[in-house]
Amino acid sequence: MARSDLARRRCVPLARGTPPLTSAACAELAHELDPAWRVDGPRLTREWRTRDFADALELVQRFARIAEAEDHHPEITLGYGRVAVVLWTHTVGGLSENDFVLAAKLDEVAG
């Protein structure tokens, strides 16, 4: 599956008790993302640099629109010239395919 294919998928509701992805499945999906994404235990993380606070805020707003549309909400940290995102799926207690789908969509809107 190409990166563009992952970004074209949709996040789907997962029932509580659904198991998180295995390390091998996470590694396979991570290859579909920009290498700046890191699988950090049960989390998927990335940081973007921007020119200033206003650009960082605008990026956060783009991310928020995607997160709302997908009903999958990351932890977002906004700072001067920087935006950090942490993804995980609460209902599975770790990473799900939804996290990788949303990561691909965030990359797409970040440009």
N, C-alpha and C. Protein backbone atom coordinates (compact mmCIF):
# COMPACT_ATOMS: atom_id res chain seq x y z
N MET A 1 0.85 -1.18 0.00
CA MET A 1 0.00 0.00 0.00
C MET A 1 0.89 1.24 0.00
N ALA A 2 0.69 2.13 -0.92
CA ALA A 2 1.47 3.36 -1.01
C ALA A 2 0.99 4.35 0.04
N ARG A 3 1.84 5.33 0.34
CA ARG A 3 1.46 6.34 1.32
C ARG A 3 0.12 6.98 0.98
N SER A 4 -0.09 7.28 -0.29
CA SER A 4 -1.33 7.93 -0.69
C SER A 4 -2.53 7.03 -0.41
N ASP A 5 -2.36 5.70 -0.52
CA ASP A 5 -3.45 4.78 -0.22
C ASP A 5 -3.82 4.83 1.26
N LEU A 6 -2.85 4.87 2.11
CA LEU A 6 -3.11 4.94 3.56
C LEU A 6 -3.86 6.22 3.89
N ALA A 7 -3.48 7.32 3.26
CA ALA A 7 -4.15 8.60 3.51
C ALA A 7 -5.57 8.62 2.98
N ARG A 8 -5.91 7.75 2.05
CA ARG A 8 -7.26 7.70 1.48
C ARG A 8 -8.22 6.85 2.31
N ARG A 9 -7.69 6.11 3.26
CA ARG A 9 -8.55 5.27 4.10
C ARG A 9 -9.25 6.13 5.14
N ARG A 10 -10.19 5.57 5.85
CA ARG A 10 -10.92 6.28 6.89
C ARG A 10 -10.67 5.61 8.24
N CYS A 11 -10.70 6.39 9.29
CA CYS A 11 -10.65 5.84 10.63
C CYS A 11 -12.00 5.19 10.92
N VAL A 12 -11.97 4.05 11.59
CA VAL A 12 -13.20 3.32 11.89
C VAL A 12 -13.33 3.14 13.40
N PRO A 13 -14.57 3.13 13.91
CA PRO A 13 -14.76 2.90 15.34
C PRO A 13 -14.26 1.51 15.73
N LEU A 14 -13.61 1.43 16.86
CA LEU A 14 -13.11 0.16 17.38
C LEU A 14 -13.72 -0.09 18.74
N ALA A 15 -14.16 -1.31 18.95
CA ALA A 15 -14.78 -1.67 20.23
C ALA A 15 -13.73 -1.75 21.32
N ARG A 16 -14.12 -1.35 22.52
CA ARG A 16 -13.25 -1.51 23.68
C ARG A 16 -12.90 -3.00 23.78
N GLY A 17 -11.65 -3.28 24.02
CA GLY A 17 -11.20 -4.67 24.09
C GLY A 17 -10.54 -5.15 22.81
N THR A 18 -10.66 -4.36 21.74
CA THR A 18 -9.93 -4.69 20.51
C THR A 18 -8.44 -4.61 20.84
N PRO A 19 -7.68 -5.61 20.48
CA PRO A 19 -6.25 -5.57 20.83
C PRO A 19 -5.49 -4.53 20.01
N PRO A 20 -4.45 -3.94 20.59
CA PRO A 20 -3.61 -3.02 19.82
C PRO A 20 -2.82 -3.80 18.77
N LEU A 21 -2.28 -3.06 17.82
CA LEU A 21 -1.43 -3.67 16.80
C LEU A 21 -0.17 -4.26 17.42
N THR A 22 0.33 -5.30 16.81
CA THR A 22 1.60 -5.89 17.25
C THR A 22 2.74 -4.96 16.82
N SER A 23 3.89 -5.17 17.39
CA SER A 23 5.07 -4.40 17.00
C SER A 23 5.38 -4.58 15.53
N ALA A 24 5.22 -5.80 15.02
CA ALA A 24 5.50 -6.07 13.61
C ALA A 24 4.52 -5.33 12.72
N ALA A 25 3.25 -5.30 13.09
CA ALA A 25 2.24 -4.58 12.29
C ALA A 25 2.51 -3.08 12.32
N CYS A 26 2.91 -2.57 13.48
CA CYS A 26 3.25 -1.14 13.59
C CYS A 26 4.44 -0.81 12.69
N ALA A 27 5.45 -1.66 12.70
CA ALA A 27 6.65 -1.42 11.88
C ALA A 27 6.29 -1.43 10.40
N GLU A 28 5.41 -2.34 10.00
CA GLU A 28 5.00 -2.41 8.59
C GLU A 28 4.24 -1.15 8.19
N LEU A 29 3.31 -0.70 9.01
CA LEU A 29 2.55 0.51 8.70
C LEU A 29 3.42 1.76 8.77
N ALA A 30 4.39 1.77 9.67
CA ALA A 30 5.27 2.93 9.80
C ALA A 30 6.07 3.16 8.53
N HIS A 31 6.36 2.12 7.79
CA HIS A 31 7.07 2.25 6.51
C HIS A 31 6.24 3.00 5.47
N GLU A 32 4.95 3.09 5.72
CA GLU A 32 4.05 3.79 4.79
C GLU A 32 4.00 5.29 5.07
N LEU A 33 4.60 5.71 6.20
CA LEU A 33 4.54 7.10 6.63
C LEU A 33 5.86 7.81 6.35
N ASP A 34 5.82 9.13 6.45
CA ASP A 34 7.04 9.92 6.40
C ASP A 34 7.97 9.39 7.51
N PRO A 35 9.26 9.27 7.23
CA PRO A 35 10.18 8.74 8.23
C PRO A 35 10.30 9.59 9.50
N ALA A 36 9.76 10.80 9.48
CA ALA A 36 9.79 11.64 10.68
C ALA A 36 8.88 11.09 11.79
N TRP A 37 7.91 10.24 11.42
CA TRP A 37 7.05 9.61 12.43
C TRP A 37 7.85 8.56 13.17
N ARG A 38 7.64 8.46 14.47
CA ARG A 38 8.33 7.48 15.32
C ARG A 38 7.30 6.67 16.09
N VAL A 39 7.47 5.35 16.07
CA VAL A 39 6.69 4.50 16.97
C VAL A 39 7.46 4.49 18.27
N ASP A 40 6.83 5.03 19.30
CA ASP A 40 7.45 5.17 20.61
C ASP A 40 6.61 4.37 21.61
N GLY A 41 6.90 3.07 21.70
CA GLY A 41 6.09 2.20 22.54
C GLY A 41 4.67 2.15 22.00
N PRO A 42 3.69 2.49 22.85
CA PRO A 42 2.30 2.44 22.40
C PRO A 42 1.83 3.75 21.77
N ARG A 43 2.75 4.58 21.31
CA ARG A 43 2.40 5.89 20.74
C ARG A 43 3.10 6.09 19.40
N LEU A 44 2.49 6.93 18.57
CA LEU A 44 3.07 7.35 17.29
C LEU A 44 3.28 8.86 17.40
N THR A 45 4.51 9.33 17.18
CA THR A 45 4.82 10.74 17.42
C THR A 45 5.51 11.38 16.23
N ARG A 46 5.29 12.68 16.11
CA ARG A 46 5.97 13.47 15.08
C ARG A 46 5.95 14.94 15.49
N GLU A 47 6.95 15.68 15.03
CA GLU A 47 7.01 17.13 15.25
C GLU A 47 7.26 17.83 13.91
N TRP A 48 6.61 18.95 13.73
CA TRP A 48 6.81 19.81 12.56
C TRP A 48 7.36 21.14 13.03
N ARG A 49 8.23 21.72 12.24
CA ARG A 49 8.77 23.07 12.49
C ARG A 49 8.09 24.05 11.54
N THR A 50 7.78 25.22 12.04
CA THR A 50 7.17 26.27 11.23
C THR A 50 7.96 27.55 11.42
N ARG A 51 7.64 28.56 10.60
CA ARG A 51 8.38 29.83 10.68
C ARG A 51 8.13 30.57 11.99
N ASP A 52 6.89 30.51 12.49
CA ASP A 52 6.55 31.29 13.68
C ASP A 52 5.30 30.72 14.34
N PHE A 53 4.82 31.40 15.35
CA PHE A 53 3.66 30.93 16.10
C PHE A 53 2.40 30.91 15.23
N ALA A 54 2.20 31.94 14.43
CA ALA A 54 1.01 32.02 13.59
C ALA A 54 0.94 30.84 12.61
N ASP A 55 2.06 30.48 12.01
CA ASP A 55 2.08 29.34 11.09
C ASP A 55 1.83 28.03 11.85
N ALA A 56 2.37 27.92 13.04
CA ALA A 56 2.14 26.73 13.84
C ALA A 56 0.66 26.61 14.21
N LEU A 57 0.06 27.72 14.59
CA LEU A 57 -1.37 27.72 14.93
C LEU A 57 -2.22 27.34 13.72
N GLU A 58 -1.87 27.84 12.55
CA GLU A 58 -2.62 27.51 11.34
C GLU A 58 -2.51 26.01 11.05
N LEU A 59 -1.34 25.42 11.27
CA LEU A 59 -1.15 24.00 11.07
C LEU A 59 -2.01 23.19 12.05
N VAL A 60 -2.06 23.62 13.29
CA VAL A 60 -2.90 22.96 14.29
C VAL A 60 -4.36 23.01 13.85
N GLN A 61 -4.80 24.12 13.33
CA GLN A 61 -6.19 24.23 12.88
C GLN A 61 -6.48 23.27 11.73
N ARG A 62 -5.54 23.11 10.81
CA ARG A 62 -5.72 22.13 9.72
C ARG A 62 -5.79 20.72 10.29
N PHE A 63 -4.92 20.43 11.25
CA PHE A 63 -4.93 19.10 11.87
C PHE A 63 -6.25 18.86 12.59
N ALA A 64 -6.76 19.87 13.27
CA ALA A 64 -8.01 19.73 14.02
C ALA A 64 -9.18 19.41 13.09
N ARG A 65 -9.22 20.04 11.92
CA ARG A 65 -10.30 19.75 10.97
C ARG A 65 -10.25 18.29 10.50
N ILE A 66 -9.05 17.79 10.24
CA ILE A 66 -8.91 16.38 9.83
C ILE A 66 -9.32 15.46 10.97
N ALA A 67 -8.85 15.75 12.17
CA ALA A 67 -9.17 14.91 13.34
C ALA A 67 -10.68 14.85 13.57
N GLU A 68 -11.35 15.98 13.46
CA GLU A 68 -12.80 16.01 13.62
C GLU A 68 -13.49 15.19 12.55
N ALA A 69 -13.06 15.34 11.30
CA ALA A 69 -13.67 14.61 10.20
C ALA A 69 -13.50 13.10 10.37
N GLU A 70 -12.38 12.69 10.95
CA GLU A 70 -12.10 11.26 11.15
C GLU A 70 -12.58 10.76 12.51
N ASP A 71 -13.03 11.65 13.39
CA ASP A 71 -13.44 11.29 14.75
C ASP A 71 -12.33 10.51 15.45
N HIS A 72 -11.10 10.98 15.25
CA HIS A 72 -9.93 10.37 15.89
C HIS A 72 -9.03 11.54 16.29
N HIS A 73 -8.87 11.76 17.57
CA HIS A 73 -8.31 13.02 18.07
C HIS A 73 -6.94 12.83 18.71
N PRO A 74 -5.91 13.41 18.11
CA PRO A 74 -4.56 13.29 18.65
C PRO A 74 -4.31 14.27 19.80
N GLU A 75 -3.23 14.04 20.47
CA GLU A 75 -2.71 15.02 21.42
C GLU A 75 -1.82 15.95 20.60
N ILE A 76 -2.11 17.24 20.65
CA ILE A 76 -1.36 18.21 19.87
C ILE A 76 -0.74 19.24 20.81
N THR A 77 0.56 19.49 20.64
CA THR A 77 1.25 20.51 21.41
C THR A 77 1.67 21.62 20.46
N LEU A 78 1.31 22.84 20.81
CA LEU A 78 1.60 24.02 20.00
C LEU A 78 2.63 24.87 20.72
N GLY A 79 3.67 25.27 20.01
CA GLY A 79 4.67 26.17 20.55
C GLY A 79 5.11 27.13 19.47
N TYR A 80 5.97 28.05 19.82
CA TYR A 80 6.47 28.99 18.83
C TYR A 80 7.27 28.22 17.79
N GLY A 81 6.78 28.19 16.56
CA GLY A 81 7.50 27.53 15.47
C GLY A 81 7.51 26.03 15.53
N ARG A 82 6.60 25.43 16.30
CA ARG A 82 6.61 23.97 16.39
C ARG A 82 5.25 23.42 16.74
N VAL A 83 4.94 22.27 16.15
CA VAL A 83 3.71 21.53 16.45
C VAL A 83 4.13 20.07 16.64
N ALA A 84 3.73 19.49 17.75
CA ALA A 84 4.01 18.08 18.01
C ALA A 84 2.68 17.33 18.11
N VAL A 85 2.66 16.13 17.56
CA VAL A 85 1.46 15.29 17.58
C VAL A 85 1.81 13.94 18.18
N VAL A 86 0.94 13.46 19.05
CA VAL A 86 1.04 12.12 19.61
C VAL A 86 -0.28 11.41 19.32
N LEU A 87 -0.18 10.24 18.72
CA LEU A 87 -1.35 9.45 18.37
C LEU A 87 -1.36 8.12 19.11
N TRP A 88 -2.52 7.71 19.55
CA TRP A 88 -2.78 6.37 20.05
C TRP A 88 -4.29 6.21 20.13
N THR A 89 -4.74 4.99 20.23
CA THR A 89 -6.18 4.71 20.27
C THR A 89 -6.55 4.32 21.69
N HIS A 90 -7.31 5.17 22.34
CA HIS A 90 -7.67 4.95 23.74
C HIS A 90 -8.37 3.61 23.94
N THR A 91 -9.32 3.27 23.07
CA THR A 91 -10.12 2.06 23.28
C THR A 91 -9.31 0.78 23.19
N VAL A 92 -8.17 0.80 22.49
CA VAL A 92 -7.34 -0.41 22.42
C VAL A 92 -6.14 -0.33 23.34
N GLY A 93 -5.91 0.83 23.95
CA GLY A 93 -4.79 0.97 24.87
C GLY A 93 -3.44 0.95 24.18
N GLY A 94 -3.39 1.41 22.95
CA GLY A 94 -2.15 1.43 22.19
C GLY A 94 -2.42 1.89 20.78
N LEU A 95 -1.65 1.36 19.84
CA LEU A 95 -1.79 1.79 18.45
C LEU A 95 -2.75 0.90 17.68
N SER A 96 -3.53 1.55 16.83
CA SER A 96 -4.42 0.85 15.89
C SER A 96 -4.13 1.38 14.49
N GLU A 97 -4.71 0.76 13.51
CA GLU A 97 -4.54 1.22 12.14
C GLU A 97 -5.03 2.67 12.00
N ASN A 98 -6.03 3.06 12.78
CA ASN A 98 -6.55 4.43 12.74
C ASN A 98 -5.44 5.46 12.97
N ASP A 99 -4.50 5.15 13.84
CA ASP A 99 -3.42 6.09 14.13
C ASP A 99 -2.54 6.32 12.91
N PHE A 100 -2.30 5.28 12.16
CA PHE A 100 -1.47 5.39 10.96
C PHE A 100 -2.23 6.08 9.83
N VAL A 101 -3.52 5.82 9.75
CA VAL A 101 -4.36 6.50 8.76
C VAL A 101 -4.36 8.00 9.04
N LEU A 102 -4.59 8.37 10.31
CA LEU A 102 -4.60 9.79 10.64
C LEU A 102 -3.23 10.42 10.44
N ALA A 103 -2.17 9.71 10.77
CA ALA A 103 -0.82 10.25 10.56
C ALA A 103 -0.59 10.56 9.08
N ALA A 104 -1.02 9.66 8.20
CA ALA A 104 -0.86 9.89 6.76
C ALA A 104 -1.66 11.09 6.31
N LYS A 105 -2.85 11.25 6.85
CA LYS A 105 -3.69 12.40 6.50
C LYS A 105 -3.07 13.71 7.00
N LEU A 106 -2.49 13.69 8.20
CA LEU A 106 -1.83 14.89 8.74
C LEU A 106 -0.64 15.27 7.86
N ASP A 107 0.13 14.28 7.45
CA ASP A 107 1.26 14.56 6.55
C ASP A 107 0.77 15.22 5.27
N GLU A 108 -0.34 14.73 4.75
CA GLU A 108 -0.86 15.26 3.51
C GLU A 108 -1.26 16.74 3.64
N VAL A 109 -1.93 17.09 4.75
CA VAL A 109 -2.36 18.48 4.90
C VAL A 109 -1.20 19.38 5.36
N ALA A 110 -0.16 18.79 5.94
CA ALA A 110 0.99 19.60 6.36
C ALA A 110 1.83 20.02 5.14
N GLY A 111 1.73 19.22 4.09
CA GLY A 111 2.44 19.57 2.85
C GLY A 111 3.88 19.23 2.85
